[in-house]
Amino acid sequence: MLETLFFALIPILITIGLGYYSAVKGTFDEQDSHKLARLVLNYMLPLSVFAGIWGTSRKIMIQDVGLAL
């Protein structure tokens, strides 16, 4: 369980670290932040959810039909 938690949090920590680093260097300003947030929320998040659903086996989806709908 601890391994699963660690591997779920490591990409978040790396992303936060890269964002902090780019802000300190001055390569990322407020305008870029708004554009990136719009990109993530409008395109990347829905595609990630779709990929997660697509990768789920039929057996699991049949067991939880209510959740799948």
N, C-alpha and C. Protein backbone atom coordinates (compact mmCIF):
# COMPACT_ATOMS: atom_id res chain seq x y z
N MET A 1 0.82 -1.19 0.00
CA MET A 1 0.00 0.00 0.00
C MET A 1 0.87 1.26 0.00
N LEU A 2 1.94 1.23 0.77
CA LEU A 2 2.83 2.38 0.82
C LEU A 2 3.50 2.62 -0.53
N GLU A 3 3.80 1.55 -1.24
CA GLU A 3 4.40 1.66 -2.57
C GLU A 3 3.44 2.33 -3.55
N THR A 4 2.17 1.95 -3.49
CA THR A 4 1.15 2.54 -4.36
C THR A 4 1.01 4.03 -4.08
N LEU A 5 0.98 4.38 -2.82
CA LEU A 5 0.88 5.79 -2.44
C LEU A 5 2.10 6.57 -2.93
N PHE A 6 3.26 6.00 -2.79
CA PHE A 6 4.49 6.66 -3.22
C PHE A 6 4.48 6.90 -4.72
N PHE A 7 4.11 5.88 -5.50
CA PHE A 7 4.11 6.04 -6.96
C PHE A 7 2.98 6.94 -7.44
N ALA A 8 1.94 7.15 -6.64
CA ALA A 8 0.89 8.09 -7.01
C ALA A 8 1.32 9.53 -6.73
N LEU A 9 2.14 9.72 -5.68
CA LEU A 9 2.53 11.07 -5.30
C LEU A 9 3.78 11.59 -6.01
N ILE A 10 4.63 10.71 -6.47
CA ILE A 10 5.90 11.15 -7.06
C ILE A 10 5.71 12.04 -8.30
N PRO A 11 4.76 11.76 -9.21
CA PRO A 11 4.58 12.70 -10.35
C PRO A 11 4.10 14.08 -9.91
N ILE A 12 3.28 14.12 -8.87
CA ILE A 12 2.79 15.40 -8.36
C ILE A 12 3.95 16.21 -7.79
N LEU A 13 4.79 15.55 -7.01
CA LEU A 13 5.93 16.25 -6.41
C LEU A 13 6.92 16.73 -7.47
N ILE A 14 7.13 15.94 -8.49
CA ILE A 14 8.04 16.34 -9.57
C ILE A 14 7.46 17.55 -10.32
N THR A 15 6.16 17.53 -10.58
CA THR A 15 5.51 18.64 -11.28
C THR A 15 5.60 19.93 -10.46
N ILE A 16 5.34 19.82 -9.16
CA ILE A 16 5.44 21.00 -8.30
C ILE A 16 6.87 21.52 -8.28
N GLY A 17 7.83 20.62 -8.20
CA GLY A 17 9.23 21.01 -8.21
C GLY A 17 9.63 21.70 -9.50
N LEU A 18 9.20 21.17 -10.63
CA LEU A 18 9.51 21.81 -11.92
C LEU A 18 8.85 23.18 -12.04
N GLY A 19 7.63 23.30 -11.55
CA GLY A 19 6.95 24.59 -11.57
C GLY A 19 7.65 25.62 -10.71
N TYR A 20 8.09 25.21 -9.54
CA TYR A 20 8.84 26.11 -8.66
C TYR A 20 10.16 26.52 -9.30
N TYR A 21 10.84 25.56 -9.88
CA TYR A 21 12.12 25.85 -10.53
C TYR A 21 11.95 26.84 -11.69
N SER A 22 10.92 26.63 -12.51
CA SER A 22 10.72 27.53 -13.65
C SER A 22 10.28 28.91 -13.18
N ALA A 23 9.55 29.00 -12.07
CA ALA A 23 9.16 30.31 -11.54
C ALA A 23 10.37 31.06 -11.00
N VAL A 24 11.27 30.35 -10.35
CA VAL A 24 12.48 30.98 -9.83
C VAL A 24 13.36 31.49 -10.97
N LYS A 25 13.44 30.71 -12.04
CA LYS A 25 14.25 31.11 -13.20
C LYS A 25 13.59 32.23 -14.02
N GLY A 26 12.29 32.43 -13.85
CA GLY A 26 11.58 33.47 -14.57
C GLY A 26 11.13 33.06 -15.96
N THR A 27 11.06 31.77 -16.25
CA THR A 27 10.64 31.31 -17.58
C THR A 27 9.15 31.02 -17.66
N PHE A 28 8.44 31.21 -16.57
CA PHE A 28 7.03 30.87 -16.51
C PHE A 28 6.31 32.00 -15.79
N ASP A 29 5.45 32.76 -16.51
CA ASP A 29 4.76 33.87 -15.87
C ASP A 29 3.28 33.56 -15.70
N GLU A 30 2.51 34.55 -15.23
CA GLU A 30 1.10 34.34 -14.92
C GLU A 30 0.28 34.02 -16.17
N GLN A 31 0.60 34.64 -17.29
CA GLN A 31 -0.12 34.37 -18.54
C GLN A 31 0.07 32.91 -18.97
N ASP A 32 1.29 32.43 -18.86
CA ASP A 32 1.56 31.03 -19.20
C ASP A 32 0.81 30.09 -18.27
N SER A 33 0.69 30.48 -17.01
CA SER A 33 0.00 29.66 -16.03
C SER A 33 -1.47 29.48 -16.41
N HIS A 34 -2.11 30.56 -16.83
CA HIS A 34 -3.52 30.48 -17.23
C HIS A 34 -3.70 29.61 -18.48
N LYS A 35 -2.80 29.75 -19.43
CA LYS A 35 -2.88 28.94 -20.64
C LYS A 35 -2.68 27.47 -20.34
N LEU A 36 -1.71 27.17 -19.49
CA LEU A 36 -1.45 25.78 -19.14
C LEU A 36 -2.62 25.17 -18.37
N ALA A 37 -3.20 25.93 -17.45
CA ALA A 37 -4.35 25.43 -16.69
C ALA A 37 -5.53 25.14 -17.62
N ARG A 38 -5.76 26.02 -18.59
CA ARG A 38 -6.84 25.80 -19.55
C ARG A 38 -6.58 24.55 -20.40
N LEU A 39 -5.35 24.37 -20.82
CA LEU A 39 -4.98 23.19 -21.60
C LEU A 39 -5.21 21.91 -20.81
N VAL A 40 -4.76 21.91 -19.57
CA VAL A 40 -4.90 20.71 -18.74
C VAL A 40 -6.37 20.39 -18.47
N LEU A 41 -7.15 21.39 -18.08
CA LEU A 41 -8.54 21.14 -17.72
C LEU A 41 -9.43 20.82 -18.91
N ASN A 42 -9.15 21.43 -20.06
CA ASN A 42 -10.02 21.22 -21.22
C ASN A 42 -9.64 20.01 -22.07
N TYR A 43 -8.37 19.63 -22.08
CA TYR A 43 -7.94 18.56 -22.97
C TYR A 43 -7.30 17.37 -22.24
N MET A 44 -6.31 17.64 -21.41
CA MET A 44 -5.54 16.56 -20.82
C MET A 44 -6.33 15.75 -19.80
N LEU A 45 -7.07 16.41 -18.94
CA LEU A 45 -7.85 15.70 -17.93
C LEU A 45 -8.91 14.80 -18.54
N PRO A 46 -9.73 15.30 -19.48
CA PRO A 46 -10.71 14.40 -20.10
C PRO A 46 -10.06 13.23 -20.85
N LEU A 47 -8.93 13.50 -21.52
CA LEU A 47 -8.25 12.40 -22.22
C LEU A 47 -7.68 11.39 -21.24
N SER A 48 -7.20 11.84 -20.11
CA SER A 48 -6.68 10.94 -19.09
C SER A 48 -7.79 10.06 -18.52
N VAL A 49 -8.94 10.67 -18.27
CA VAL A 49 -10.08 9.89 -17.77
C VAL A 49 -10.52 8.87 -18.81
N PHE A 50 -10.58 9.28 -20.07
CA PHE A 50 -10.96 8.36 -21.13
C PHE A 50 -9.97 7.21 -21.24
N ALA A 51 -8.68 7.50 -21.14
CA ALA A 51 -7.66 6.45 -21.22
C ALA A 51 -7.77 5.49 -20.04
N GLY A 52 -8.09 6.01 -18.87
CA GLY A 52 -8.28 5.14 -17.71
C GLY A 52 -9.46 4.21 -17.87
N ILE A 53 -10.55 4.75 -18.42
CA ILE A 53 -11.73 3.92 -18.65
C ILE A 53 -11.44 2.91 -19.75
N TRP A 54 -10.76 3.32 -20.80
CA TRP A 54 -10.44 2.43 -21.91
C TRP A 54 -9.54 1.27 -21.46
N GLY A 55 -8.66 1.54 -20.51
CA GLY A 55 -7.73 0.52 -20.04
C GLY A 55 -8.32 -0.44 -19.02
N THR A 56 -9.53 -0.15 -18.55
CA THR A 56 -10.18 -1.01 -17.57
C THR A 56 -10.73 -2.26 -18.27
N SER A 57 -10.50 -3.41 -17.66
CA SER A 57 -10.96 -4.64 -18.30
C SER A 57 -12.48 -4.75 -18.25
N ARG A 58 -13.04 -5.50 -19.18
CA ARG A 58 -14.49 -5.67 -19.24
C ARG A 58 -15.02 -6.39 -18.01
N LYS A 59 -14.22 -7.30 -17.49
CA LYS A 59 -14.64 -8.06 -16.31
C LYS A 59 -14.90 -7.12 -15.14
N ILE A 60 -14.03 -6.18 -14.94
CA ILE A 60 -14.20 -5.22 -13.84
C ILE A 60 -15.40 -4.31 -14.10
N MET A 61 -15.57 -3.89 -15.34
CA MET A 61 -16.70 -3.01 -15.67
C MET A 61 -18.03 -3.74 -15.52
N ILE A 62 -18.07 -5.02 -15.85
CA ILE A 62 -19.31 -5.79 -15.70
C ILE A 62 -19.65 -5.96 -14.22
N GLN A 63 -18.64 -6.12 -13.37
CA GLN A 63 -18.89 -6.26 -11.94
C GLN A 63 -19.48 -4.99 -11.35
N ASP A 64 -19.08 -3.83 -11.86
CA ASP A 64 -19.55 -2.55 -11.34
C ASP A 64 -20.27 -1.77 -12.43
N VAL A 65 -21.37 -2.31 -12.91
CA VAL A 65 -22.12 -1.68 -14.00
C VAL A 65 -22.63 -0.30 -13.58
N GLY A 66 -23.12 -0.18 -12.37
CA GLY A 66 -23.63 1.11 -11.89
C GLY A 66 -22.55 2.17 -11.89
N LEU A 67 -21.38 1.82 -11.42
CA LEU A 67 -20.27 2.75 -11.41
C LEU A 67 -19.82 3.11 -12.83
N ALA A 68 -19.81 2.12 -13.71
CA ALA A 68 -19.39 2.37 -15.09
C ALA A 68 -20.34 3.33 -15.80
N LEU A 69 -21.62 3.24 -15.50
CA LEU A 69 -22.58 4.14 -16.13
C LEU A 69 -22.48 5.52 -15.54
